[in-house]
Protein backbone atom coordinates (compact mmCIF):
# COMPACT_ATOMS: atom_id res chain seq x y z
CA MET A 1 19.87 13.22 20.56
CA ASP A 2 20.58 10.06 18.78
CA ARG A 3 18.58 6.90 18.50
CA GLN A 4 20.58 5.32 21.48
CA GLU A 5 20.02 7.87 23.71
CA LEU A 6 16.42 8.36 22.97
CA ILE A 7 15.82 4.46 23.26
CA GLU A 8 17.69 4.15 26.56
CA ARG A 9 15.89 6.92 28.16
CA TYR A 10 12.47 5.51 26.86
CA ASN A 11 13.40 1.95 28.12
CA ALA A 12 14.11 3.58 31.59
CA GLY A 13 10.55 4.83 31.85
CA GLU A 14 10.89 8.62 30.49
CA ARG A 15 8.33 9.65 28.20
CA ASP A 16 8.75 13.48 28.08
CA PHE A 17 10.89 14.30 24.87
CA ARG A 18 9.19 17.72 24.22
CA SER A 19 11.33 19.94 21.75
CA ALA A 20 13.82 17.20 21.22
CA ASP A 21 16.40 17.57 18.44
CA LEU A 22 15.83 14.50 16.41
CA ARG A 23 16.86 15.81 12.84
CA GLY A 24 17.73 12.86 10.62
CA ALA A 25 17.48 10.25 13.41
CA LYS A 26 17.56 6.71 12.51
CA LEU A 27 14.43 5.41 14.45
CA SER A 28 13.12 2.73 12.16
CA GLU A 29 10.91 0.26 14.11
CA ALA A 30 11.62 1.97 17.43
CA ARG A 31 9.03 1.45 20.00
CA LEU A 32 8.00 4.90 21.22
CA SER A 33 4.28 4.27 22.06
CA GLY A 34 3.14 7.10 24.43
CA ALA A 35 5.98 9.26 23.97
CA ASN A 36 5.56 13.08 24.10
CA LEU A 37 7.32 14.47 21.25
CA SER A 38 5.41 17.49 21.02
CA ARG A 39 7.34 20.46 19.06
CA ALA A 40 10.26 18.03 18.51
CA ASP A 41 12.27 18.52 15.32
CA LEU A 42 12.16 15.16 13.26
CA THR A 43 13.02 16.76 10.15
CA GLU A 44 14.01 13.74 7.55
CA ALA A 45 13.99 11.37 10.64
CA ASP A 46 13.60 7.56 9.41
CA LEU A 47 10.64 6.35 11.45
CA PHE A 48 9.88 3.34 9.05
CA GLY A 49 7.61 0.78 10.80
CA ALA A 50 8.18 2.82 14.14
CA ASN A 51 5.39 2.21 16.80
CA LEU A 52 4.05 5.69 17.82
CA PHE A 53 0.83 4.22 19.09
CA GLY A 54 -0.79 7.16 21.17
CA ALA A 55 2.41 9.37 20.98
CA ASN A 56 2.10 13.13 21.27
CA LEU A 57 3.49 14.86 18.06
CA SER A 58 1.57 17.98 18.20
CA ARG A 59 3.50 20.85 16.48
CA ALA A 60 6.33 18.60 15.61
CA ASN A 61 8.31 19.02 12.52
CA LEU A 62 8.02 15.82 10.57
CA GLY A 63 8.97 17.56 7.23
CA LYS A 64 10.43 14.93 4.72
CA ALA A 65 10.23 12.27 7.41
CA ASN A 66 9.88 8.40 6.58
CA LEU A 67 6.85 7.26 8.39
CA LEU A 68 6.28 4.41 5.91
CA MET A 69 4.14 1.63 7.73
CA ALA A 70 4.46 3.48 10.93
CA ASN A 71 1.84 2.87 13.75
CA LEU A 72 0.31 6.27 14.51
CA TYR A 73 -2.93 4.75 16.04
CA ARG A 74 -4.70 7.59 17.98
CA ALA A 75 -1.45 9.62 17.89
CA ASN A 76 -1.69 13.40 18.31
CA LEU A 77 -0.34 15.13 15.09
CA SER A 78 -2.39 18.22 15.60
CA ARG A 79 -0.65 21.27 13.89
CA ALA A 80 2.28 19.24 12.94
CA ASN A 81 4.30 19.84 9.82
CA LEU A 82 4.19 16.86 7.69
CA PHE A 83 5.28 18.52 4.46
CA GLU A 84 6.83 15.84 1.93
CA ALA A 85 6.62 13.29 4.61
CA THR A 86 6.02 9.76 3.62
CA LEU A 87 3.21 8.08 5.26
CA SER A 88 2.31 5.26 2.78
CA GLY A 89 1.01 2.20 4.47
CA ALA A 90 0.89 3.85 7.90
CA ILE A 91 -1.68 3.47 10.47
CA LEU A 92 -3.62 6.63 11.52
CA THR A 93 -6.85 5.27 12.72
CA GLY A 94 -8.18 7.72 15.29
CA ALA A 95 -5.23 10.08 15.04
CA ASN A 96 -5.65 13.92 15.49
CA LEU A 97 -4.18 15.67 12.52
CA GLY A 98 -6.35 18.86 13.14
CA TRP A 99 -4.77 21.73 11.44
CA ALA A 100 -1.71 19.87 10.39
CA GLN A 101 0.03 20.57 7.08
CA ILE A 102 0.01 17.32 5.15
CA ASN A 103 1.46 17.60 1.60
CA ALA A 104 2.54 14.08 1.79
CA SER A 105 2.45 10.58 0.36
CA LEU A 106 -0.38 8.52 2.15
CA VAL A 107 -0.93 5.96 -0.39
CA VAL A 108 -2.86 2.93 0.96
CA ALA A 109 -2.58 4.56 4.68
CA ASN A 110 -5.29 3.91 7.04
CA ILE A 111 -6.75 7.03 8.27
CA SER A 112 -10.13 5.79 9.37
CA ASP A 113 -11.88 7.87 12.04
CA ALA A 114 -9.04 10.36 12.27
CA ASN A 115 -9.43 14.06 12.88
CA LEU A 116 -8.05 16.12 9.87
CA GLU A 117 -10.26 19.09 10.36
CA GLY A 118 -8.89 22.13 8.72
CA GLY A 119 -5.86 20.12 7.58
CA ASN A 120 -3.70 21.28 4.79
CA LEU A 121 -3.72 18.26 2.45
CA ARG A 122 -3.19 20.22 -0.73
CA GLY A 123 -1.70 17.95 -3.32
CA ALA A 124 -1.51 15.08 -0.94
CA LYS A 125 -1.25 11.50 -2.20
CA LEU A 126 -4.17 9.42 -0.83
CA GLU A 127 -4.58 6.98 -3.58
CA GLY A 128 -6.53 3.98 -2.16
CA ALA A 129 -6.16 5.45 1.67
CA GLU A 130 -8.94 4.18 4.11
CA LEU A 131 -10.52 7.47 5.20
CA THR A 132 -13.73 5.79 6.44
CA GLY A 133 -15.61 8.11 8.99
CA ALA A 134 -12.57 10.59 8.91
CA LYS A 135 -13.21 14.21 9.97
CA LEU A 136 -12.20 16.54 7.11
CA GLU A 137 -14.35 19.29 7.66
CA GLY A 138 -12.78 22.83 6.26
CA ALA A 139 -9.69 20.69 4.98
CA ASP A 140 -7.75 21.72 2.24
CA LEU A 141 -7.59 19.03 -0.37
CA ARG A 142 -6.98 20.87 -3.54
CA ALA A 143 -5.29 18.79 -6.19
CA ALA A 144 -5.08 15.76 -3.88
CA ASP A 145 -5.02 12.45 -5.15
CA LEU A 146 -7.79 10.41 -3.76
CA ARG A 147 -8.38 7.82 -6.44
CA GLY A 148 -10.06 4.86 -5.22
CA ALA A 149 -9.96 6.20 -1.66
CA ASP A 150 -12.57 4.86 0.89
CA LEU A 151 -14.45 7.96 2.39
CA ARG A 152 -17.50 6.25 3.38
CA GLN A 153 -19.17 8.44 6.20
CA ALA A 154 -16.42 10.94 6.09
CA ASP A 155 -17.17 14.59 7.17
CA LEU A 156 -16.02 16.71 4.26
CA ARG A 157 -18.43 19.64 5.12
CA GLY A 158 -16.88 22.77 3.63
CA ALA A 159 -13.70 21.01 2.37
CA ILE A 160 -11.82 22.68 -0.68
CA LEU A 161 -11.52 19.76 -3.24
CA LEU A 162 -10.81 22.14 -6.17
CA GLY A 163 -9.16 19.95 -8.89
CA ALA A 164 -8.82 16.89 -6.82
CA ASN A 165 -8.85 13.41 -8.22
CA LEU A 166 -11.60 11.17 -6.78
CA ILE A 167 -11.94 8.78 -9.61
CA GLU A 168 -13.43 5.45 -8.44
CA ALA A 169 -13.58 6.81 -4.68
CA ASP A 170 -16.14 5.49 -2.31
CA LEU A 171 -18.09 8.56 -0.81
CA GLY A 172 -21.19 6.55 0.11
CA GLY A 173 -23.06 8.52 2.94
CA ALA A 174 -20.22 11.07 3.00
CA GLY A 175 -21.19 14.69 4.34
CA LEU A 176 -20.27 17.24 1.66
CA ARG A 177 -22.37 19.93 2.40
CA GLY A 178 -20.98 23.45 1.21
CA ALA A 179 -17.89 21.54 -0.21
CA TYR A 180 -16.08 23.24 -3.03
CA LEU A 181 -16.02 20.65 -5.67
CA GLU A 182 -15.26 22.81 -8.84
CA GLY A 183 -13.32 20.83 -11.32
CA VAL A 184 -13.15 17.50 -9.43
CA ASP A 185 -12.95 14.29 -11.02
CA LEU A 186 -15.66 12.03 -9.61
CA SER A 187 -16.00 9.62 -12.47
CA ARG A 188 -17.09 6.36 -11.34
CA ALA A 189 -17.19 7.28 -7.79
CA ASP A 190 -19.87 6.00 -5.32
CA LEU A 191 -21.91 8.99 -3.87
CA SER A 192 -24.72 6.99 -2.87
CA GLU A 193 -26.52 8.57 0.05
CA ALA A 194 -23.98 11.28 0.28
CA ASP A 195 -25.02 14.77 1.28
CA LEU A 196 -24.02 17.32 -1.70
CA SER A 197 -26.25 20.15 -0.82
CA TRP A 198 -24.79 23.51 -1.32
CA THR A 199 -21.69 22.34 -3.11
CA ASN A 200 -20.12 23.82 -6.14
CA LEU A 201 -20.05 21.28 -8.80
CA ASN A 202 -18.99 23.59 -11.56
CA ARG A 203 -16.93 21.65 -14.38
CA ALA A 204 -17.03 18.50 -12.09
CA ASN A 205 -16.88 15.23 -13.93
CA LEU A 206 -19.46 12.81 -12.63
CA GLU A 207 -19.51 10.45 -15.54
CA GLY A 208 -20.47 7.03 -14.52
CA ALA A 209 -20.69 8.02 -10.65
CA LEU A 210 -23.40 6.55 -8.42
CA LEU A 211 -25.79 9.20 -7.15
CA ASP A 212 -28.53 6.97 -5.61
CA GLY A 213 -30.12 8.67 -2.84
CA ALA A 214 -27.67 11.53 -2.85
CA ASN A 215 -28.81 14.83 -1.59
CA LEU A 216 -27.97 17.55 -4.39
CA SER A 217 -30.36 20.39 -3.17
CA THR A 218 -29.19 23.77 -3.94
CA ALA A 219 -25.92 22.45 -5.32
CA GLN A 220 -24.37 24.50 -8.07
CA TYR A 221 -23.36 23.24 -11.59
CA ASP A 222 -22.53 24.73 -14.94
CA GLU A 223 -22.54 23.72 -18.79
CA ALA A 224 -19.37 21.87 -18.02
CA THR A 225 -20.53 19.66 -15.41
CA THR A 226 -20.70 16.07 -16.66
CA TRP A 227 -23.43 13.74 -15.31
CA PRO A 228 -23.93 9.92 -15.42
CA GLU A 229 -25.78 8.68 -18.58
CA GLY A 230 -29.56 9.11 -18.08
CA PHE A 231 -29.14 11.09 -14.83
CA ALA A 232 -32.02 13.56 -14.18
CA ILE A 233 -30.72 16.74 -12.77
CA PRO A 234 -33.02 17.57 -9.74
CA SER A 235 -35.11 20.70 -10.03
CA ASP A 236 -33.74 22.33 -6.93
CA MET A 237 -30.15 22.37 -8.22
CA LYS A 238 -28.81 25.63 -9.07
CA PHE A 239 -27.62 26.10 -12.74
CA VAL A 240 -25.04 28.88 -13.29
CA SER A 241 -24.30 30.05 -16.90
CA GLU A 242 -21.20 31.98 -18.03
CA LEU A 243 -19.89 33.16 -14.65
CA THR A 244 -17.98 36.23 -15.25
CA THR A 245 -14.31 36.43 -14.03
CA SER A 246 -14.96 38.61 -11.21
CA GLN A 247 -17.81 36.26 -10.09
CA ARG A 248 -15.46 33.33 -10.29
CA ALA A 249 -12.76 35.30 -8.46
CA GLU A 250 -15.35 35.77 -5.54
CA SER A 251 -16.28 32.21 -5.41
CA ALA A 252 -12.64 30.90 -5.37
CA ALA A 253 -11.11 29.77 -2.34
CA PRO A 254 -8.28 31.85 -0.66
CA GLU A 255 -4.75 30.60 -0.91
CA PRO A 256 -3.43 29.22 2.35
CA PRO A 257 0.33 29.09 2.99
CA LEU A 258 1.71 25.58 1.99
CA THR A 259 4.77 25.08 4.40
CA ASN A 260 4.96 27.56 7.14
CA PRO A 261 3.43 26.15 10.24
CA GLU A 262 3.88 29.61 12.04
CA ASN A 263 1.09 30.93 9.92
CA LEU A 264 -1.54 28.34 11.19
CA PRO A 265 -4.20 29.60 13.49
CA GLN A 266 -2.86 29.30 17.05
CA GLU A 267 -4.32 27.83 20.00
CA ALA A 268 -3.88 28.35 23.76
CA GLU A 269 -0.91 26.30 25.28
């Protein structure tokens, strides 16, 4: 299906384009709000500035697609494949990205209040992204670039942030209970009123971070953890010294697949 056929059918009132073959389609600035594109193949499609407000893109293949500046407000992208897609400047407010694979560029994207629960955002480029109130519980954010991102009130409980870059990120009031933060760079980040209980902060860099009112009870740290100057480490934190290799292996997060959506947990149709 090419652009002309899709737009003609859409303008005629059709909205059901499930499993459509739109590989490499030129759909820049197309108006497709409310369209059902579930399971569609949009590999390498050009959706620059497209209006996909409320569209259903669940399980769609958007690998290497160009979604720069696209409007995906309240779109359903659950279990979609966004591997190496470009979403910089896109509007993803209220979108559902649960269990999606999102190794993509989301620089300066607006993802506030979006559902990214369990999403694979490993290595994602989220510098300066707006993630206020986003649901990221259990998400894989290993090695993600979140420099300067706005994560106020975001739900990051149990998220894996091993080696992520959160320099100058705003995590005020964020929920990080049980998050895996080993080796994370949180220098100059705002963690005021954040819940960091039961987190793993081994080797984390918190130099210059704001921790006013943060909950660090039972959080784990080691000799390599760097604290803000003059910070008094709470007595209810857990200091772990010289973990053995086997202990580190046991505490390490499992390696999920990066690109194969077939290996994601399946849900009933």
